[in-house]
C-alpha atoms as a PDB file:
ATOM      1  CA  THR A   1     -21.067  -4.394  38.181  1.00  0.00           C
ATOM      2  CA  GLN A   2     -19.982  -1.535  35.427  1.00  0.00           C
ATOM      3  CA  ALA A   3     -19.206   0.888  38.016  1.00  0.00           C
ATOM      4  CA  ALA A   4     -16.681  -1.507  39.703  1.00  0.00           C
ATOM      5  CA  MET A   5     -14.929  -2.317  36.273  1.00  0.00           C
ATOM      6  CA  GLY A   6     -14.194   1.359  35.282  1.00  0.00           C
ATOM      7  CA  VAL A   7     -14.231   3.064  32.078  1.00  0.00           C
ATOM      8  CA  LYS A   8     -12.602   0.769  29.294  1.00  0.00           C
ATOM      9  CA  GLU A   9     -10.230   2.264  26.802  1.00  0.00           C
ATOM     10  CA  PHE A  10      -9.077   0.850  23.595  1.00  0.00           C
ATOM     11  CA  PHE A  11      -5.803   1.632  22.181  1.00  0.00           C
ATOM     12  CA  PRO A  12      -4.853   0.868  18.416  1.00  0.00           C
ATOM     13  CA  ASN A  13      -2.571  -2.117  17.944  1.00  0.00           C
ATOM     14  CA  MET A  14      -1.296  -1.016  14.653  1.00  0.00           C
ATOM     15  CA  PHE A  15       1.395   1.483  14.203  1.00  0.00           C
ATOM     16  CA  MET A  16       2.002   4.207  11.479  1.00  0.00           C
ATOM     17  CA  THR A  17       5.288   5.829  10.661  1.00  0.00           C
ATOM     18  CA  LEU A  18       5.497   9.303   9.156  1.00  0.00           C
ATOM     19  CA  LEU A  19       7.815   9.060   5.953  1.00  0.00           C
ATOM     20  CA  SER A  20       7.308  12.352   4.462  1.00  0.00           C
ATOM     21  CA  VAL A  21       5.210  15.603   4.087  1.00  0.00           C
ATOM     22  CA  ARG A  22       4.515  17.544   0.950  1.00  0.00           C
ATOM     23  CA  ASN A  23       2.756  20.996   0.316  1.00  0.00           C
ATOM     24  CA  ALA A  24       2.598  21.603   4.185  1.00  0.00           C
ATOM     25  CA  GLY A  25       2.847  25.351   3.903  1.00  0.00           C
ATOM     26  CA  SER A  26       1.177  25.800   0.715  1.00  0.00           C
ATOM     27  CA  LYS A  27      -2.317  27.793   0.647  1.00  0.00           C
ATOM     28  CA  THR A  28      -3.185  26.593  -2.961  1.00  0.00           C
ATOM     29  CA  LYS A  29      -2.131  22.876  -2.848  1.00  0.00           C
ATOM     30  CA  ALA A  30      -3.526  20.191  -0.555  1.00  0.00           C
ATOM     31  CA  PRO A  31      -1.021  18.946   2.087  1.00  0.00           C
ATOM     32  CA  LEU A  32      -0.242  15.502   1.437  1.00  0.00           C
ATOM     33  CA  ALA A  33       1.432  12.929   4.209  1.00  0.00           C
ATOM     34  CA  ILE A  34       2.928   9.544   3.396  1.00  0.00           C
ATOM     35  CA  PHE A  35       2.817   6.868   6.089  1.00  0.00           C
ATOM     36  CA  ARG A  36       4.286   3.378   6.339  1.00  0.00           C
ATOM     37  CA  VAL A  37       1.385   1.071   7.653  1.00  0.00           C
ATOM     38  CA  PRO A  38       0.886  -2.624   8.164  1.00  0.00           C
ATOM     39  CA  PRO A  39      -0.534  -4.445   5.257  1.00  0.00           C
ATOM     40  CA  ALA A  40      -3.763  -5.266   7.252  1.00  0.00           C
ATOM     41  CA  MET A  41      -4.841  -1.844   7.592  1.00  0.00           C
ATOM     42  CA  THR A  42      -7.587  -0.534   5.409  1.00  0.00           C
ATOM     43  CA  LYS A  43      -8.089   3.111   4.167  1.00  0.00           C
ATOM     44  CA  LEU A  44     -11.073   3.555   6.473  1.00  0.00           C
ATOM     45  CA  GLU A  45      -9.068   2.381   9.451  1.00  0.00           C
ATOM     46  CA  ILE A  46      -6.183   4.795   8.446  1.00  0.00           C
ATOM     47  CA  LYS A  47      -8.697   7.668   8.225  1.00  0.00           C
ATOM     48  CA  GLU A  48     -10.363   6.756  11.696  1.00  0.00           C
ATOM     49  CA  TYR A  49      -6.880   6.504  13.170  1.00  0.00           C
ATOM     50  CA  LEU A  50      -5.987  10.200  12.094  1.00  0.00           C
ATOM     51  CA  THR A  51      -9.099  11.781  12.891  1.00  0.00           C
ATOM     52  CA  LYS A  52      -9.943  10.174  16.126  1.00  0.00           C
ATOM     53  CA  ILE A  53      -6.569  10.065  17.747  1.00  0.00           C
ATOM     54  CA  TYR A  54      -4.972  13.228  16.211  1.00  0.00           C
ATOM     55  CA  SER A  55      -8.009  15.120  15.203  1.00  0.00           C
ATOM     56  CA  LEU A  56      -6.795  15.623  11.816  1.00  0.00           C
ATOM     57  CA  PRO A  57      -9.400  16.526   8.947  1.00  0.00           C
ATOM     58  CA  VAL A  58      -8.685  13.841   6.367  1.00  0.00           C
ATOM     59  CA  ALA A  59      -9.859  14.505   2.616  1.00  0.00           C
ATOM     60  CA  ARG A  60      -8.671  11.259   1.061  1.00  0.00           C
ATOM     61  CA  VAL A  61      -6.573   8.088   1.480  1.00  0.00           C
ATOM     62  CA  ASN A  62      -4.870   6.095  -1.362  1.00  0.00           C
ATOM     63  CA  THR A  63      -2.601   3.116  -0.474  1.00  0.00           C
ATOM     64  CA  VAL A  64       0.069   1.041  -2.426  1.00  0.00           C
ATOM     65  CA  ASN A  65       0.923  -2.300  -1.308  1.00  0.00           C
ATOM     66  CA  PHE A  66       4.764  -3.246  -1.427  1.00  0.00           C
ATOM     67  CA  ASP A  67       6.128  -6.895  -1.309  1.00  0.00           C
ATOM     68  CA  GLY A  68       9.263  -7.519   0.701  1.00  0.00           C
ATOM     69  CA  ARG A  69      12.484  -7.235  -1.363  1.00  0.00           C
ATOM     70  CA  TRP A  70      14.524 -10.381  -1.917  1.00  0.00           C
ATOM     71  CA  LYS A  71      18.269 -10.139  -0.753  1.00  0.00           C
ATOM     72  CA  ARG A  72      21.025 -12.407  -1.188  1.00  0.00           C
ATOM     73  CA  HIS A  73      22.906 -13.596   1.957  1.00  0.00           C
ATOM     74  CA  TYR A  74      26.326 -14.963   1.356  1.00  0.00           C
ATOM     75  CA  GLY A  75      27.874 -17.477   3.951  1.00  0.00           C
ATOM     76  CA  LYS A  76      30.280 -20.070   4.318  1.00  0.00           C
ATOM     77  CA  THR A  77      28.250 -22.753   2.331  1.00  0.00           C
ATOM     78  CA  ARG A  78      28.480 -22.626  -1.416  1.00  0.00           C
ATOM     79  CA  SER A  79      24.603 -22.146  -1.735  1.00  0.00           C
ATOM     80  CA  VAL A  80      23.302 -18.552  -1.931  1.00  0.00           C
ATOM     81  CA  PRO A  81      20.239 -18.375   0.272  1.00  0.00           C
ATOM     82  CA  TYR A  82      17.711 -15.554  -0.250  1.00  0.00           C
ATOM     83  CA  LYS A  83      15.868 -13.689   2.601  1.00  0.00           C
ATOM     84  CA  SER A  84      12.820 -11.674   2.138  1.00  0.00           C
ATOM     85  CA  GLN A  85      12.232  -8.461   3.972  1.00  0.00           C
ATOM     86  CA  LYS A  86       8.721  -7.630   5.471  1.00  0.00           C
ATOM     87  CA  LYS A  87       5.874  -6.777   3.374  1.00  0.00           C
ATOM     88  CA  HIS A  88       4.441  -3.336   3.930  1.00  0.00           C
ATOM     89  CA  LYS A  89       1.909  -0.465   2.524  1.00  0.00           C
ATOM     90  CA  ARG A  90       2.169   2.984   1.936  1.00  0.00           C
ATOM     91  CA  ALA A  91      -0.543   5.384   2.663  1.00  0.00           C
ATOM     92  CA  TYR A  92      -0.885   8.672   0.884  1.00  0.00           C
ATOM     93  CA  VAL A  93      -3.292  10.767   2.990  1.00  0.00           C
ATOM     94  CA  THR A  94      -4.575  14.099   1.617  1.00  0.00           C
ATOM     95  CA  PHE A  95      -5.861  16.739   3.805  1.00  0.00           C
ATOM     96  CA  PRO A  96      -8.089  19.613   2.678  1.00  0.00           C
ATOM     97  CA  ILE A  97      -6.523  22.764   1.294  1.00  0.00           C
ATOM     98  CA  GLY A  98      -5.525  25.474   3.652  1.00  0.00           C
ATOM     99  CA  SER A  99      -5.833  22.978   6.781  1.00  0.00           C
ATOM    100  CA  LYS A 100      -2.712  23.287   9.209  1.00  0.00           C
ATOM    101  CA  VAL A 101      -1.383  19.749   9.567  1.00  0.00           C
ATOM    102  CA  MET A 102       2.195  20.117  10.697  1.00  0.00           C
END
């Protein structure tokens, strides 16, 4: 029965990392927060993540995809292998003017 199972709660399995905040204390400019998110996360998922979990009013979401940089790794062999870093996406989230975000 449903009562025996209890209440189901769903938690997000994608993480967002806050990189910086701009115009947080301004009354004339819209606050902007920059997040590092997984490449599979869409604009709608980012907006829902912030509104439902943190109750933040989101005005607009812009995203930029970044490929992993290739770095040279020197070793004992004569060949120079290259290693790629992880791909990621940056989300530029704009909040309404005058909203207290941070």
